C-alpha atoms as a PDB file:
ATOM      1  CA  MET A   1       0.000   0.000   0.000  1.00  0.00           C
ATOM      2  CA  THR A   2       1.333   3.427  -0.893  1.00  0.00           C
ATOM      3  CA  ALA A   3       1.209   6.552   1.251  1.00  0.00           C
ATOM      4  CA  VAL A   4       0.497   8.908  -1.662  1.00  0.00           C
ATOM      5  CA  VAL A   5      -2.623  10.991  -1.099  1.00  0.00           C
ATOM      6  CA  ARG A   6      -4.836  11.411  -4.139  1.00  0.00           C
ATOM      7  CA  ALA A   7      -6.032  15.014  -4.327  1.00  0.00           C
ATOM      8  CA  GLY A   8      -9.615  14.003  -5.153  1.00  0.00           C
ATOM      9  CA  LEU A   9      -9.968  12.309  -1.764  1.00  0.00           C
ATOM     10  CA  LEU A  10      -9.115  15.517   0.102  1.00  0.00           C
ATOM     11  CA  ARG A  11     -12.386  17.350  -0.435  1.00  0.00           C
ATOM     12  CA  HIS A  12     -12.924  19.048   2.947  1.00  0.00           C
ATOM     13  CA  ARG A  13     -11.375  22.378   3.942  1.00  0.00           C
ATOM     14  CA  LEU A  14     -10.061  22.000   7.509  1.00  0.00           C
ATOM     15  CA  THR A  15      -8.663  24.672   9.806  1.00  0.00           C
ATOM     16  CA  PHE A  16      -6.346  23.678  12.643  1.00  0.00           C
ATOM     17  CA  GLN A  17      -6.698  25.914  15.689  1.00  0.00           C
ATOM     18  CA  THR A  18      -4.485  26.489  18.730  1.00  0.00           C
ATOM     19  CA  ALA A  19      -5.806  27.520  22.158  1.00  0.00           C
ATOM     20  CA  THR A  20      -4.613  30.745  23.749  1.00  0.00           C
ATOM     21  CA  GLU A  21      -5.402  31.974  27.241  1.00  0.00           C
ATOM     22  CA  THR A  22      -5.730  35.640  28.152  1.00  0.00           C
ATOM     23  CA  ARG A  23      -6.349  37.261  31.523  1.00  0.00           C
ATOM     24  CA  ASP A  24      -9.062  39.832  31.964  1.00  0.00           C
ATOM     25  CA  ALA A  25      -9.002  42.825  34.347  1.00  0.00           C
ATOM     26  CA  GLN A  26     -10.500  40.761  37.183  1.00  0.00           C
ATOM     27  CA  GLY A  27      -7.799  38.063  36.903  1.00  0.00           C
ATOM     28  CA  GLY A  28     -10.015  35.516  35.165  1.00  0.00           C
ATOM     29  CA  VAL A  29      -8.731  33.433  32.282  1.00  0.00           C
ATOM     30  CA  THR A  30     -10.452  33.321  28.902  1.00  0.00           C
ATOM     31  CA  LYS A  31      -9.617  30.552  26.441  1.00  0.00           C
ATOM     32  CA  THR A  32      -9.875  31.425  22.755  1.00  0.00           C
ATOM     33  CA  TRP A  33      -8.997  29.459  19.634  1.00  0.00           C
ATOM     34  CA  VAL A  34      -6.755  30.981  16.970  1.00  0.00           C
ATOM     35  CA  ASP A  35      -6.525  29.666  13.398  1.00  0.00           C
ATOM     36  CA  THR A  36      -3.091  28.127  12.764  1.00  0.00           C
ATOM     37  CA  VAL A  37      -3.273  26.602   9.282  1.00  0.00           C
ATOM     38  CA  THR A  38      -5.958  25.629   6.746  1.00  0.00           C
ATOM     39  CA  VAL A  39      -5.478  22.467   4.664  1.00  0.00           C
ATOM     40  CA  TRP A  40      -7.446  20.046   2.491  1.00  0.00           C
ATOM     41  CA  GLY A  41      -8.393  16.731   4.079  1.00  0.00           C
ATOM     42  CA  ASP A  42     -10.867  13.885   4.337  1.00  0.00           C
ATOM     43  CA  VAL A  43     -13.192  13.454   7.327  1.00  0.00           C
ATOM     44  CA  ALA A  44     -14.833  10.088   7.992  1.00  0.00           C
ATOM     45  CA  PRO A  45     -16.873   8.991  11.019  1.00  0.00           C
ATOM     46  CA  ILE A  46     -15.596   5.890  12.768  1.00  0.00           C
ATOM     47  CA  ARG A  47     -17.872   5.355  15.740  1.00  0.00           C
ATOM     48  CA  ALA A  48     -20.718   6.992  17.624  1.00  0.00           C
ATOM     49  CA  ARG A  49     -22.322   6.142  20.940  1.00  0.00           C
ATOM     50  CA  GLU A  50     -24.707   7.611  23.459  1.00  0.00           C
ATOM     51  CA  TYR A  51     -24.508   6.996  27.181  1.00  0.00           C
ATOM     52  CA  LEU A  52     -26.086   8.201  30.392  1.00  0.00           C
ATOM     53  CA  ASN A  53     -23.854  10.245  32.697  1.00  0.00           C
ATOM     54  CA  ALA A  54     -25.149  12.134  35.744  1.00  0.00           C
ATOM     55  CA  ASP A  55     -28.745  11.792  34.518  1.00  0.00           C
ATOM     56  CA  GLN A  56     -27.872  13.366  31.163  1.00  0.00           C
ATOM     57  CA  ILE A  57     -27.549  11.693  27.795  1.00  0.00           C
ATOM     58  CA  ARG A  58     -24.052  12.250  26.397  1.00  0.00           C
ATOM     59  CA  ALA A  59     -22.688  11.455  22.950  1.00  0.00           C
ATOM     60  CA  ASP A  60     -19.216  10.525  21.724  1.00  0.00           C
ATOM     61  CA  ILE A  61     -18.533  10.750  18.017  1.00  0.00           C
ATOM     62  CA  THR A  62     -15.125   9.641  16.789  1.00  0.00           C
ATOM     63  CA  HIS A  63     -13.713  10.590  13.389  1.00  0.00           C
ATOM     64  CA  GLN A  64     -10.678   9.840  11.288  1.00  0.00           C
ATOM     65  CA  VAL A  65      -9.114  12.753   9.409  1.00  0.00           C
ATOM     66  CA  ILE A  66      -6.565  12.231   6.624  1.00  0.00           C
ATOM     67  CA  ILE A  67      -4.357  15.107   5.432  1.00  0.00           C
ATOM     68  CA  ARG A  68      -1.049  15.532   3.661  1.00  0.00           C
ATOM     69  CA  GLN A  69       1.969  15.780   5.956  1.00  0.00           C
ATOM     70  CA  TYR A  70       2.130  19.079   7.825  1.00  0.00           C
ATOM     71  CA  PRO A  71       4.818  19.697  10.462  1.00  0.00           C
ATOM     72  CA  GLY A  72       4.025  21.069  13.897  1.00  0.00           C
ATOM     73  CA  LEU A  73       0.553  19.639  14.490  1.00  0.00           C
ATOM     74  CA  THR A  74      -0.108  18.500  18.071  1.00  0.00           C
ATOM     75  CA  THR A  75      -2.857  16.917  20.159  1.00  0.00           C
ATOM     76  CA  LYS A  76      -3.285  20.269  21.946  1.00  0.00           C
ATOM     77  CA  GLN A  77      -4.918  21.675  18.822  1.00  0.00           C
ATOM     78  CA  ARG A  78      -8.391  21.167  17.420  1.00  0.00           C
ATOM     79  CA  ILE A  79      -9.837  21.035  13.918  1.00  0.00           C
ATOM     80  CA  LYS A  80     -12.611  23.323  12.671  1.00  0.00           C
ATOM     81  CA  TRP A  81     -14.633  22.077   9.718  1.00  0.00           C
ATOM     82  CA  THR A  82     -17.474  24.072   8.178  1.00  0.00           C
ATOM     83  CA  ASP A  83     -19.944  21.504   6.841  1.00  0.00           C
ATOM     84  CA  ASP A  84     -22.929  22.885   4.900  1.00  0.00           C
ATOM     85  CA  GLY A  85     -22.629  26.236   6.714  1.00  0.00           C
ATOM     86  CA  THR A  86     -22.331  24.664  10.183  1.00  0.00           C
ATOM     87  CA  ASP A  87     -19.067  24.861  12.112  1.00  0.00           C
ATOM     88  CA  ARG A  88     -18.001  21.528  13.616  1.00  0.00           C
ATOM     89  CA  TYR A  89     -15.068  21.108  16.010  1.00  0.00           C
ATOM     90  CA  PHE A  90     -12.870  18.056  16.570  1.00  0.00           C
ATOM     91  CA  HIS A  91     -10.466  17.568  19.475  1.00  0.00           C
ATOM     92  CA  ILE A  92      -7.347  15.719  18.328  1.00  0.00           C
ATOM     93  CA  GLU A  93      -6.726  12.456  20.194  1.00  0.00           C
ATOM     94  CA  SER A  94      -3.740  11.165  18.187  1.00  0.00           C
ATOM     95  CA  ILE A  95      -1.705  11.914  15.063  1.00  0.00           C
ATOM     96  CA  ILE A  96      -0.089   9.076  13.096  1.00  0.00           C
ATOM     97  CA  ASP A  97       2.476   9.447  10.302  1.00  0.00           C
ATOM     98  CA  MET A  98       1.129   6.747   7.993  1.00  0.00           C
ATOM     99  CA  GLU A  99       3.845   4.338   6.880  1.00  0.00           C
ATOM    100  CA  GLU A 100       6.332   6.737   8.549  1.00  0.00           C
ATOM    101  CA  ARG A 101       7.171   8.329   5.199  1.00  0.00           C
ATOM    102  CA  ASP A 102       6.272  11.991   5.974  1.00  0.00           C
ATOM    103  CA  ARG A 103       3.584  12.078   3.290  1.00  0.00           C
ATOM    104  CA  LYS A 104       0.237  11.444   4.928  1.00  0.00           C
ATOM    105  CA  LEU A 105      -1.170  11.944   8.448  1.00  0.00           C
ATOM    106  CA  GLN A 106      -3.998   9.971  10.013  1.00  0.00           C
ATOM    107  CA  ILE A 107      -5.640  11.943  12.820  1.00  0.00           C
ATOM    108  CA  PHE A 108      -8.140  10.475  15.263  1.00  0.00           C
ATOM    109  CA  CYS A 109     -10.547  13.005  16.807  1.00  0.00           C
ATOM    110  CA  LYS A 110     -13.579  13.349  19.044  1.00  0.00           C
ATOM    111  CA  GLU A 111     -16.237  15.751  17.904  1.00  0.00           C
ATOM    112  CA  GLU A 112     -17.639  18.369  20.254  1.00  0.00           C
ATOM    113  CA  VAL A 113     -21.330  17.607  20.620  1.00  0.00           C
END
């Protein structure tokens, strides 16, 4: 199997964001997300489940994201994807250099629900 990424498979525009914290006048901390880089990629759902936690129904949705190699990405970032006019956010769980050839990254994420 080859690690080359066919351009036609990368049909989603994805923006990687990095968290920054700023202090306000009262000493409180505000977390904001700043766009780092925008790339083409593929987003595919892997698994979804609902469960009951503290008398509330919670959902976990896990996705796989494939992009071309891009240096400097970390699990402290998140991915923003605008899908049909709706912004969706994915917290990065792990980043894998497929075949360890610096060509293609496989990123596993959990979607904010």
